[in-house]
Amino acid sequence: MRSPYLAALLAAALLASSGTALAEETLFGWLISPFRQKEVKPVDNKAYKEECSACHMAYPPGLLPSRSWEKLLNEQALGDHFGDDASLDGDTLREIHDYAMENAADKSFHKRSRKIALATENGEAPLRIIEVRYIKRKHHDIPEKMISGNKDVKSLSFCSKCHTRADDGNFDSDTVSIPNYPDWED
């Protein structure tokens, strides 16, 4: 009697620790994931928040997989960061790189990050969050006039323009308020 119990416990522990990829792939994986949380882990690293938000929203690392952060956070890539020089000193770059890698979508137990990890596990690693298939699908029915045609939004890249709780890692549709279109519902 003791052996089957231990075998089941060992199997559950192995499945739970075998990687986050299992968490969203099967009902069983979803049921046994003790670390599962909603949304995306908010940014809680001071250097990451200060350096990134100097130019744009400090996007939570859970919005991209580690393969993307690896491409984005190195000296060469930051030298030409989407047309701007975002170079950092070596220590700061290492801290930000390590933070992003540790909290990337494929390392997270947060629900929305897991969906992003699954959407990006095959193919080329996206360099922009708006290139993630899951993100595109979540925004596909929003008319362009409300995004690029909206002087107070301009692009999907400005997440916090509409996602009122983006700084908390909450991108739930219930927290969306599109500037100049307060009555629009998805």
N, C-alpha and C. Protein backbone atom coordinates (compact mmCIF):
# COMPACT_ATOMS: atom_id res chain seq x y z
N MET A 1 0.82 -1.20 0.00
CA MET A 1 0.00 0.00 0.00
C MET A 1 0.87 1.27 0.00
N ARG A 2 1.95 1.22 0.72
CA ARG A 2 2.82 2.38 0.82
C ARG A 2 3.52 2.66 -0.51
N SER A 3 3.96 1.63 -1.21
CA SER A 3 4.67 1.80 -2.47
C SER A 3 3.83 2.48 -3.55
N PRO A 4 2.56 2.06 -3.75
CA PRO A 4 1.76 2.77 -4.77
C PRO A 4 1.57 4.25 -4.42
N TYR A 5 1.42 4.53 -3.13
CA TYR A 5 1.25 5.92 -2.70
C TYR A 5 2.53 6.72 -3.01
N LEU A 6 3.67 6.15 -2.69
CA LEU A 6 4.93 6.83 -2.96
C LEU A 6 5.16 6.97 -4.46
N ALA A 7 4.81 5.95 -5.22
CA ALA A 7 4.98 6.02 -6.67
C ALA A 7 4.11 7.13 -7.25
N ALA A 8 2.88 7.23 -6.76
CA ALA A 8 1.98 8.29 -7.25
C ALA A 8 2.51 9.65 -6.85
N LEU A 9 3.00 9.77 -5.64
CA LEU A 9 3.55 11.03 -5.17
C LEU A 9 4.79 11.42 -5.97
N LEU A 10 5.64 10.44 -6.24
CA LEU A 10 6.84 10.69 -7.03
C LEU A 10 6.47 11.10 -8.46
N ALA A 11 5.48 10.40 -9.04
CA ALA A 11 5.05 10.74 -10.40
C ALA A 11 4.50 12.17 -10.45
N ALA A 12 3.70 12.54 -9.45
CA ALA A 12 3.14 13.90 -9.41
C ALA A 12 4.25 14.93 -9.26
N ALA A 13 5.24 14.63 -8.42
CA ALA A 13 6.35 15.57 -8.22
C ALA A 13 7.17 15.71 -9.50
N LEU A 14 7.40 14.60 -10.19
CA LEU A 14 8.15 14.66 -11.44
C LEU A 14 7.41 15.45 -12.50
N LEU A 15 6.11 15.22 -12.60
CA LEU A 15 5.33 15.97 -13.58
C LEU A 15 5.31 17.45 -13.25
N ALA A 16 5.17 17.76 -11.97
CA ALA A 16 5.13 19.18 -11.57
C ALA A 16 6.47 19.86 -11.79
N SER A 17 7.56 19.13 -11.64
CA SER A 17 8.88 19.75 -11.77
C SER A 17 9.49 19.55 -13.14
N SER A 18 8.79 18.88 -14.03
CA SER A 18 9.39 18.57 -15.33
C SER A 18 9.38 19.75 -16.28
N GLY A 19 8.94 20.85 -15.83
CA GLY A 19 8.93 22.04 -16.69
C GLY A 19 7.55 22.61 -16.78
N THR A 20 7.51 23.87 -17.01
CA THR A 20 6.22 24.55 -17.05
C THR A 20 5.45 24.24 -18.31
N ALA A 21 6.12 23.70 -19.31
CA ALA A 21 5.42 23.44 -20.57
C ALA A 21 4.24 22.51 -20.37
N LEU A 22 4.31 21.63 -19.40
CA LEU A 22 3.23 20.69 -19.17
C LEU A 22 2.00 21.37 -18.57
N ALA A 23 2.22 22.46 -17.86
CA ALA A 23 1.15 23.09 -17.10
C ALA A 23 -0.09 23.42 -17.93
N GLU A 24 0.05 23.84 -19.15
CA GLU A 24 -1.11 24.25 -19.94
C GLU A 24 -1.44 23.27 -21.06
N GLU A 25 -0.65 22.26 -21.23
CA GLU A 25 -0.85 21.37 -22.36
C GLU A 25 -1.91 20.31 -22.12
N THR A 26 -2.10 19.89 -20.90
CA THR A 26 -3.08 18.86 -20.63
C THR A 26 -3.92 19.26 -19.42
N LEU A 27 -5.10 18.67 -19.33
CA LEU A 27 -5.95 18.92 -18.17
C LEU A 27 -5.24 18.46 -16.91
N PHE A 28 -4.60 17.31 -16.99
CA PHE A 28 -3.88 16.80 -15.82
C PHE A 28 -2.77 17.76 -15.41
N GLY A 29 -2.03 18.25 -16.38
CA GLY A 29 -0.96 19.21 -16.07
C GLY A 29 -1.51 20.46 -15.43
N TRP A 30 -2.66 20.89 -15.91
CA TRP A 30 -3.28 22.08 -15.34
C TRP A 30 -3.73 21.81 -13.91
N LEU A 31 -4.28 20.61 -13.68
CA LEU A 31 -4.79 20.28 -12.35
C LEU A 31 -3.69 20.15 -11.31
N ILE A 32 -2.52 19.64 -11.72
CA ILE A 32 -1.47 19.38 -10.72
C ILE A 32 -0.52 20.55 -10.53
N SER A 33 -0.65 21.58 -11.30
CA SER A 33 0.29 22.69 -11.18
C SER A 33 -0.01 23.50 -9.90
N PRO A 34 0.80 23.32 -8.86
CA PRO A 34 0.53 24.03 -7.61
C PRO A 34 0.94 25.50 -7.64
N PHE A 35 1.68 25.88 -8.65
CA PHE A 35 2.20 27.24 -8.71
C PHE A 35 1.44 28.14 -9.67
N ARG A 36 0.39 27.61 -10.27
CA ARG A 36 -0.34 28.33 -11.30
C ARG A 36 -0.94 29.62 -10.75
N GLN A 37 -0.74 30.69 -11.47
CA GLN A 37 -1.29 31.98 -11.08
C GLN A 37 -1.89 32.64 -12.30
N LYS A 38 -2.73 33.61 -12.10
CA LYS A 38 -3.36 34.31 -13.20
C LYS A 38 -2.40 35.30 -13.84
N GLU A 39 -2.74 35.71 -15.03
CA GLU A 39 -2.08 36.81 -15.74
C GLU A 39 -0.58 36.65 -15.93
N VAL A 40 0.18 37.71 -15.68
CA VAL A 40 1.62 37.76 -15.92
C VAL A 40 2.28 38.33 -14.66
N LYS A 41 3.42 37.81 -14.31
CA LYS A 41 4.11 38.34 -13.14
C LYS A 41 4.51 39.80 -13.41
N PRO A 42 4.13 40.71 -12.51
CA PRO A 42 4.52 42.12 -12.73
C PRO A 42 6.02 42.29 -12.54
N VAL A 43 6.55 43.34 -13.11
CA VAL A 43 7.98 43.64 -12.99
C VAL A 43 8.29 44.00 -11.54
N ASP A 44 9.25 43.30 -10.96
CA ASP A 44 9.62 43.57 -9.58
C ASP A 44 11.15 43.71 -9.41
N ASN A 45 11.82 44.03 -10.51
CA ASN A 45 13.26 44.26 -10.45
C ASN A 45 13.50 45.75 -10.71
N LYS A 46 14.16 46.41 -9.78
CA LYS A 46 14.36 47.85 -9.86
C LYS A 46 15.15 48.27 -11.09
N ALA A 47 16.26 47.60 -11.36
CA ALA A 47 17.10 47.96 -12.52
C ALA A 47 16.31 47.77 -13.83
N TYR A 48 15.63 46.65 -13.95
CA TYR A 48 14.83 46.35 -15.14
C TYR A 48 13.78 47.45 -15.34
N LYS A 49 13.05 47.75 -14.26
CA LYS A 49 11.97 48.75 -14.34
C LYS A 49 12.53 50.12 -14.72
N GLU A 50 13.60 50.54 -14.08
CA GLU A 50 14.15 51.87 -14.33
C GLU A 50 14.72 52.00 -15.74
N GLU A 51 15.52 51.02 -16.16
CA GLU A 51 16.16 51.11 -17.47
C GLU A 51 15.16 50.99 -18.61
N CYS A 52 14.25 50.05 -18.53
CA CYS A 52 13.29 49.85 -19.63
C CYS A 52 12.26 50.98 -19.70
N SER A 53 11.77 51.38 -18.54
CA SER A 53 10.72 52.40 -18.56
C SER A 53 11.27 53.80 -18.83
N ALA A 54 12.57 53.94 -18.97
CA ALA A 54 13.13 55.23 -19.37
C ALA A 54 12.66 55.59 -20.79
N CYS A 55 12.35 54.56 -21.60
CA CYS A 55 11.94 54.80 -22.99
C CYS A 55 10.54 54.27 -23.31
N HIS A 56 10.12 53.21 -22.65
CA HIS A 56 8.81 52.61 -22.93
C HIS A 56 8.35 51.87 -21.68
N MET A 57 7.18 51.28 -21.75
CA MET A 57 6.69 50.48 -20.63
C MET A 57 7.70 49.39 -20.33
N ALA A 58 7.93 49.13 -19.08
CA ALA A 58 8.78 48.00 -18.69
C ALA A 58 7.94 46.74 -18.84
N TYR A 59 7.99 46.16 -20.04
CA TYR A 59 7.16 45.00 -20.34
C TYR A 59 7.51 43.85 -19.41
N PRO A 60 6.52 43.24 -18.79
CA PRO A 60 6.83 42.08 -17.94
C PRO A 60 7.52 41.00 -18.78
N PRO A 61 8.61 40.43 -18.26
CA PRO A 61 9.32 39.40 -19.03
C PRO A 61 8.44 38.23 -19.45
N GLY A 62 7.37 37.97 -18.72
CA GLY A 62 6.47 36.88 -19.05
C GLY A 62 5.67 37.09 -20.31
N LEU A 63 5.88 38.21 -21.00
CA LEU A 63 5.18 38.46 -22.27
C LEU A 63 5.97 37.94 -23.47
N LEU A 64 7.20 37.47 -23.24
CA LEU A 64 8.01 36.89 -24.31
C LEU A 64 8.75 35.66 -23.78
N PRO A 65 9.06 34.74 -24.66
CA PRO A 65 9.83 33.56 -24.22
C PRO A 65 11.31 33.92 -24.03
N SER A 66 12.02 33.07 -23.34
CA SER A 66 13.44 33.31 -23.08
C SER A 66 14.25 33.43 -24.37
N ARG A 67 13.85 32.72 -25.42
CA ARG A 67 14.57 32.83 -26.71
C ARG A 67 14.53 34.26 -27.23
N SER A 68 13.43 34.95 -27.00
CA SER A 68 13.30 36.34 -27.43
C SER A 68 14.17 37.26 -26.58
N TRP A 69 14.13 37.06 -25.26
CA TRP A 69 14.94 37.91 -24.38
C TRP A 69 16.42 37.70 -24.65
N GLU A 70 16.79 36.48 -24.99
CA GLU A 70 18.20 36.22 -25.32
C GLU A 70 18.63 37.04 -26.54
N LYS A 71 17.75 37.17 -27.49
CA LYS A 71 18.07 37.96 -28.69
C LYS A 71 18.06 39.47 -28.40
N LEU A 72 17.21 39.91 -27.51
CA LEU A 72 17.04 41.34 -27.24
C LEU A 72 18.05 41.91 -26.25
N LEU A 73 18.47 41.09 -25.29
CA LEU A 73 19.27 41.63 -24.20
C LEU A 73 20.73 41.19 -24.29
N ASN A 74 21.42 41.73 -25.27
CA ASN A 74 22.87 41.57 -25.38
C ASN A 74 23.42 42.89 -25.91
N GLU A 75 24.72 43.07 -25.79
CA GLU A 75 25.34 44.36 -26.15
C GLU A 75 25.03 44.78 -27.57
N GLN A 76 25.15 43.86 -28.50
CA GLN A 76 24.93 44.20 -29.90
C GLN A 76 23.48 44.61 -30.15
N ALA A 77 22.55 43.84 -29.64
CA ALA A 77 21.13 44.14 -29.87
C ALA A 77 20.74 45.47 -29.23
N LEU A 78 21.25 45.76 -28.04
CA LEU A 78 20.89 47.01 -27.37
C LEU A 78 21.56 48.22 -28.03
N GLY A 79 22.64 47.98 -28.75
CA GLY A 79 23.27 49.07 -29.50
C GLY A 79 22.36 49.61 -30.59
N ASP A 80 21.49 48.77 -31.09
CA ASP A 80 20.49 49.19 -32.07
C ASP A 80 19.15 48.55 -31.67
N HIS A 81 18.56 49.10 -30.63
CA HIS A 81 17.31 48.59 -30.06
C HIS A 81 16.14 49.26 -30.78
N PHE A 82 15.72 48.65 -31.87
CA PHE A 82 14.64 49.19 -32.70
C PHE A 82 14.93 50.63 -33.13
N GLY A 83 16.18 50.86 -33.51
CA GLY A 83 16.57 52.17 -34.03
C GLY A 83 17.18 53.11 -33.00
N ASP A 84 17.16 52.73 -31.74
CA ASP A 84 17.74 53.57 -30.68
C ASP A 84 18.90 52.84 -30.01
N ASP A 85 19.82 53.63 -29.47
CA ASP A 85 20.93 53.06 -28.71
C ASP A 85 20.46 52.90 -27.26
N ALA A 86 20.30 51.68 -26.83
CA ALA A 86 19.85 51.40 -25.46
C ALA A 86 20.95 50.67 -24.69
N SER A 87 22.19 50.96 -25.04
CA SER A 87 23.33 50.29 -24.41
C SER A 87 23.32 50.48 -22.89
N LEU A 88 23.79 49.46 -22.20
CA LEU A 88 23.88 49.46 -20.74
C LEU A 88 25.28 49.04 -20.32
N ASP A 89 25.67 49.43 -19.09
CA ASP A 89 26.95 48.92 -18.59
C ASP A 89 26.80 47.41 -18.34
N GLY A 90 27.93 46.74 -18.28
CA GLY A 90 27.93 45.28 -18.19
C GLY A 90 27.16 44.71 -17.01
N ASP A 91 27.32 45.30 -15.82
CA ASP A 91 26.63 44.78 -14.63
C ASP A 91 25.12 44.94 -14.74
N THR A 92 24.69 46.10 -15.22
CA THR A 92 23.25 46.35 -15.36
C THR A 92 22.65 45.43 -16.42
N LEU A 93 23.37 45.29 -17.53
CA LEU A 93 22.90 44.40 -18.59
C LEU A 93 22.76 42.97 -18.06
N ARG A 94 23.73 42.51 -17.30
CA ARG A 94 23.69 41.13 -16.77
C ARG A 94 22.49 40.97 -15.84
N GLU A 95 22.26 41.96 -14.96
CA GLU A 95 21.13 41.87 -14.03
C GLU A 95 19.80 41.83 -14.78
N ILE A 96 19.65 42.71 -15.76
CA ILE A 96 18.40 42.77 -16.52
C ILE A 96 18.22 41.50 -17.37
N HIS A 97 19.28 41.06 -17.99
CA HIS A 97 19.25 39.82 -18.79
C HIS A 97 18.81 38.64 -17.92
N ASP A 98 19.47 38.49 -16.78
CA ASP A 98 19.16 37.36 -15.91
C ASP A 98 17.73 37.44 -15.38
N TYR A 99 17.29 38.63 -15.05
CA TYR A 99 15.91 38.80 -14.56
C TYR A 99 14.91 38.40 -15.65
N ALA A 100 15.12 38.88 -16.86
CA ALA A 100 14.21 38.55 -17.97
C ALA A 100 14.22 37.04 -18.25
N MET A 101 15.39 36.45 -18.23
CA MET A 101 15.48 35.02 -18.51
C MET A 101 14.77 34.19 -17.43
N GLU A 102 14.92 34.58 -16.19
CA GLU A 102 14.30 33.84 -15.08
C GLU A 102 12.79 33.99 -15.06
N ASN A 103 12.27 35.06 -15.63
CA ASN A 103 10.83 35.32 -15.58
C ASN A 103 10.16 35.30 -16.95
N ALA A 104 10.84 34.75 -17.94
CA ALA A 104 10.29 34.67 -19.29
C ALA A 104 9.04 33.79 -19.31
N ALA A 105 8.27 33.93 -20.37
CA ALA A 105 7.00 33.21 -20.48
C ALA A 105 7.18 31.70 -20.29
N ASP A 106 8.22 31.15 -20.86
CA ASP A 106 8.41 29.70 -20.78
C ASP A 106 8.95 29.24 -19.43
N LYS A 107 9.24 30.17 -18.54
CA LYS A 107 9.70 29.81 -17.20
C LYS A 107 8.63 30.13 -16.15
N SER A 108 7.51 30.64 -16.58
CA SER A 108 6.50 31.15 -15.67
C SER A 108 5.36 30.17 -15.45
N PHE A 109 4.74 30.24 -14.29
CA PHE A 109 3.53 29.50 -14.01
C PHE A 109 2.30 30.40 -14.10
N HIS A 110 2.49 31.62 -14.54
CA HIS A 110 1.36 32.52 -14.70
C HIS A 110 0.60 32.14 -15.98
N LYS A 111 -0.70 32.11 -15.87
CA LYS A 111 -1.58 31.60 -16.92
C LYS A 111 -1.34 32.25 -18.28
N ARG A 112 -1.33 33.56 -18.33
CA ARG A 112 -1.19 34.24 -19.62
C ARG A 112 0.22 34.02 -20.18
N SER A 113 1.22 33.99 -19.33
CA SER A 113 2.58 33.70 -19.79
C SER A 113 2.67 32.31 -20.39
N ARG A 114 1.99 31.36 -19.79
CA ARG A 114 2.00 29.98 -20.31
C ARG A 114 1.38 29.95 -21.71
N LYS A 115 0.34 30.70 -21.91
CA LYS A 115 -0.28 30.74 -23.24
C LYS A 115 0.68 31.35 -24.26
N ILE A 116 1.40 32.36 -23.85
CA ILE A 116 2.40 32.97 -24.74
C ILE A 116 3.53 31.99 -25.02
N ALA A 117 3.94 31.27 -24.00
CA ALA A 117 5.01 30.27 -24.19
C ALA A 117 4.59 29.22 -25.21
N LEU A 118 3.36 28.76 -25.12
CA LEU A 118 2.87 27.77 -26.08
C LEU A 118 2.77 28.35 -27.48
N ALA A 119 2.37 29.59 -27.58
CA ALA A 119 2.20 30.24 -28.88
C ALA A 119 3.54 30.53 -29.56
N THR A 120 4.61 30.51 -28.79
CA THR A 120 5.92 30.87 -29.34
C THR A 120 6.92 29.72 -29.31
N GLU A 121 6.48 28.54 -28.91
CA GLU A 121 7.44 27.44 -28.76
C GLU A 121 8.00 26.95 -30.09
N ASN A 122 7.33 27.19 -31.17
CA ASN A 122 7.83 26.78 -32.49
C ASN A 122 8.11 28.01 -33.34
N GLY A 123 9.02 27.87 -34.25
CA GLY A 123 9.31 28.97 -35.17
C GLY A 123 10.29 29.96 -34.60
N GLU A 124 10.41 31.06 -35.31
CA GLU A 124 11.35 32.13 -34.94
C GLU A 124 10.88 32.82 -33.65
N ALA A 125 11.83 33.15 -32.80
CA ALA A 125 11.49 33.86 -31.56
C ALA A 125 11.10 35.29 -31.90
N PRO A 126 9.93 35.74 -31.47
CA PRO A 126 9.51 37.11 -31.79
C PRO A 126 10.35 38.13 -31.03
N LEU A 127 10.63 39.24 -31.67
CA LEU A 127 11.38 40.32 -31.01
C LEU A 127 10.45 41.36 -30.41
N ARG A 128 9.23 41.34 -30.85
CA ARG A 128 8.24 42.29 -30.34
C ARG A 128 7.05 41.51 -29.79
N ILE A 129 6.50 42.00 -28.71
CA ILE A 129 5.35 41.34 -28.10
C ILE A 129 4.18 41.29 -29.07
N ILE A 130 4.03 42.33 -29.86
CA ILE A 130 2.90 42.36 -30.80
C ILE A 130 3.07 41.36 -31.95
N GLU A 131 4.22 40.70 -32.04
CA GLU A 131 4.44 39.66 -33.04
C GLU A 131 4.02 38.28 -32.53
N VAL A 132 3.71 38.17 -31.25
CA VAL A 132 3.32 36.89 -30.66
C VAL A 132 1.92 36.52 -31.16
N ARG A 133 1.79 35.34 -31.72
CA ARG A 133 0.52 34.89 -32.29
C ARG A 133 -0.63 35.03 -31.28
N TYR A 134 -0.42 34.66 -30.06
CA TYR A 134 -1.45 34.77 -29.02
C TYR A 134 -1.89 36.23 -28.83
N ILE A 135 -0.93 37.14 -28.80
CA ILE A 135 -1.25 38.56 -28.63
C ILE A 135 -2.03 39.07 -29.84
N LYS A 136 -1.59 38.66 -31.03
CA LYS A 136 -2.31 39.08 -32.24
C LYS A 136 -3.75 38.60 -32.20
N ARG A 137 -3.94 37.34 -31.80
CA ARG A 137 -5.29 36.77 -31.76
C ARG A 137 -6.16 37.52 -30.74
N LYS A 138 -5.59 37.90 -29.62
CA LYS A 138 -6.38 38.58 -28.59
C LYS A 138 -6.81 39.99 -29.02
N HIS A 139 -6.09 40.55 -30.01
CA HIS A 139 -6.40 41.92 -30.43
C HIS A 139 -6.98 42.01 -31.84
N HIS A 140 -7.20 40.87 -32.50
CA HIS A 140 -7.56 40.90 -33.92
C HIS A 140 -8.89 41.57 -34.23
N ASP A 141 -9.81 41.58 -33.29
CA ASP A 141 -11.13 42.15 -33.58
C ASP A 141 -11.26 43.63 -33.18
N ILE A 142 -10.17 44.22 -32.77
CA ILE A 142 -10.22 45.65 -32.42
C ILE A 142 -9.98 46.46 -33.69
N PRO A 143 -10.90 47.29 -34.08
CA PRO A 143 -10.73 48.08 -35.32
C PRO A 143 -9.48 48.96 -35.26
N GLU A 144 -8.80 49.09 -36.38
CA GLU A 144 -7.57 49.89 -36.48
C GLU A 144 -7.79 51.34 -36.04
N LYS A 145 -8.99 51.85 -36.28
CA LYS A 145 -9.25 53.24 -35.88
C LYS A 145 -9.08 53.42 -34.36
N MET A 146 -9.24 52.35 -33.61
CA MET A 146 -9.11 52.44 -32.16
C MET A 146 -7.66 52.27 -31.70
N ILE A 147 -6.80 51.82 -32.62
CA ILE A 147 -5.40 51.60 -32.26
C ILE A 147 -4.52 52.60 -33.01
N SER A 148 -4.16 52.26 -34.25
CA SER A 148 -3.26 53.15 -34.99
C SER A 148 -3.93 54.47 -35.36
N GLY A 149 -5.24 54.46 -35.49
CA GLY A 149 -5.95 55.68 -35.81
C GLY A 149 -6.35 56.49 -34.58
N ASN A 150 -5.97 56.01 -33.43
CA ASN A 150 -6.32 56.67 -32.18
C ASN A 150 -5.11 57.45 -31.66
N LYS A 151 -5.21 58.76 -31.64
CA LYS A 151 -4.06 59.60 -31.26
C LYS A 151 -3.57 59.32 -29.85
N ASP A 152 -4.39 58.72 -29.01
CA ASP A 152 -3.99 58.44 -27.64
C ASP A 152 -3.51 57.00 -27.44
N VAL A 153 -3.48 56.22 -28.51
CA VAL A 153 -2.98 54.83 -28.43
C VAL A 153 -1.83 54.65 -29.41
N LYS A 154 -2.06 54.83 -30.68
CA LYS A 154 -1.09 54.78 -31.77
C LYS A 154 -0.62 53.38 -32.17
N SER A 155 -0.42 52.48 -31.22
CA SER A 155 0.10 51.16 -31.56
C SER A 155 -0.22 50.18 -30.43
N LEU A 156 -0.27 48.89 -30.77
CA LEU A 156 -0.43 47.86 -29.75
C LEU A 156 0.77 47.81 -28.82
N SER A 157 1.88 48.40 -29.23
CA SER A 157 3.09 48.40 -28.41
C SER A 157 2.89 49.17 -27.10
N PHE A 158 1.95 50.07 -27.08
CA PHE A 158 1.71 50.87 -25.88
C PHE A 158 0.63 50.19 -25.03
N CYS A 159 0.95 49.05 -24.50
CA CYS A 159 -0.01 48.23 -23.75
C CYS A 159 -0.76 49.01 -22.69
N SER A 160 -0.02 49.82 -21.94
CA SER A 160 -0.62 50.49 -20.79
C SER A 160 -1.60 51.61 -21.18
N LYS A 161 -1.67 51.94 -22.47
CA LYS A 161 -2.66 52.93 -22.90
C LYS A 161 -4.08 52.41 -22.70
N CYS A 162 -4.26 51.10 -22.93
CA CYS A 162 -5.60 50.49 -22.82
C CYS A 162 -5.70 49.53 -21.63
N HIS A 163 -4.63 48.83 -21.34
CA HIS A 163 -4.65 47.88 -20.22
C HIS A 163 -4.34 48.67 -18.95
N THR A 164 -5.38 49.04 -18.24
CA THR A 164 -5.24 49.96 -17.12
C THR A 164 -4.48 49.39 -15.93
N ARG A 165 -4.32 48.07 -15.92
CA ARG A 165 -3.58 47.44 -14.82
C ARG A 165 -2.35 46.69 -15.32
N ALA A 166 -1.82 47.12 -16.45
CA ALA A 166 -0.65 46.47 -17.04
C ALA A 166 0.55 46.48 -16.08
N ASP A 167 0.71 47.54 -15.33
CA ASP A 167 1.84 47.60 -14.39
C ASP A 167 1.74 46.53 -13.30
N ASP A 168 0.54 46.04 -13.08
CA ASP A 168 0.34 44.97 -12.10
C ASP A 168 0.44 43.59 -12.75
N GLY A 169 0.73 43.55 -14.04
CA GLY A 169 0.79 42.29 -14.77
C GLY A 169 -0.59 41.78 -15.15
N ASN A 170 -1.59 42.64 -15.07
CA ASN A 170 -2.96 42.25 -15.37
C ASN A 170 -3.35 42.77 -16.75
N PHE A 171 -3.55 41.86 -17.69
CA PHE A 171 -3.94 42.21 -19.06
C PHE A 171 -5.33 41.66 -19.38
N ASP A 172 -6.10 41.39 -18.34
CA ASP A 172 -7.44 40.85 -18.50
C ASP A 172 -8.33 41.84 -19.24
N SER A 173 -9.24 41.33 -20.06
CA SER A 173 -10.11 42.21 -20.85
C SER A 173 -11.01 43.08 -19.96
N ASP A 174 -11.27 42.64 -18.75
CA ASP A 174 -12.10 43.45 -17.84
C ASP A 174 -11.41 44.73 -17.39
N THR A 175 -10.11 44.81 -17.60
CA THR A 175 -9.37 46.01 -17.16
C THR A 175 -9.01 46.92 -18.33
N VAL A 176 -9.57 46.63 -19.51
CA VAL A 176 -9.27 47.41 -20.70
C VAL A 176 -10.18 48.63 -20.79
N SER A 177 -9.57 49.76 -21.11
CA SER A 177 -10.32 50.98 -21.38
C SER A 177 -9.59 51.68 -22.53
N ILE A 178 -10.16 51.61 -23.72
CA ILE A 178 -9.52 52.20 -24.89
C ILE A 178 -9.79 53.70 -24.90
N PRO A 179 -8.73 54.51 -24.85
CA PRO A 179 -8.94 55.97 -24.87
C PRO A 179 -9.78 56.38 -26.08
N ASN A 180 -10.69 57.26 -25.86
CA ASN A 180 -11.60 57.82 -26.87
C ASN A 180 -12.70 56.84 -27.32
N TYR A 181 -12.68 55.62 -26.78
CA TYR A 181 -13.73 54.64 -27.09
C TYR A 181 -14.14 53.94 -25.79
N PRO A 182 -14.65 54.69 -24.83
CA PRO A 182 -14.94 54.10 -23.51
C PRO A 182 -16.06 53.07 -23.51
N ASP A 183 -16.91 53.09 -24.52
CA ASP A 183 -18.04 52.16 -24.54
C ASP A 183 -17.82 50.92 -25.38
N TRP A 184 -16.65 50.81 -26.01
CA TRP A 184 -16.40 49.65 -26.89
C TRP A 184 -16.21 48.40 -26.06
N GLU A 185 -16.90 47.34 -26.49
CA GLU A 185 -16.73 46.04 -25.83
C GLU A 185 -16.40 45.02 -26.87
N ASP A 186 -15.56 44.13 -26.52
CA ASP A 186 -15.08 43.07 -27.41
C ASP A 186 -16.11 41.98 -27.56
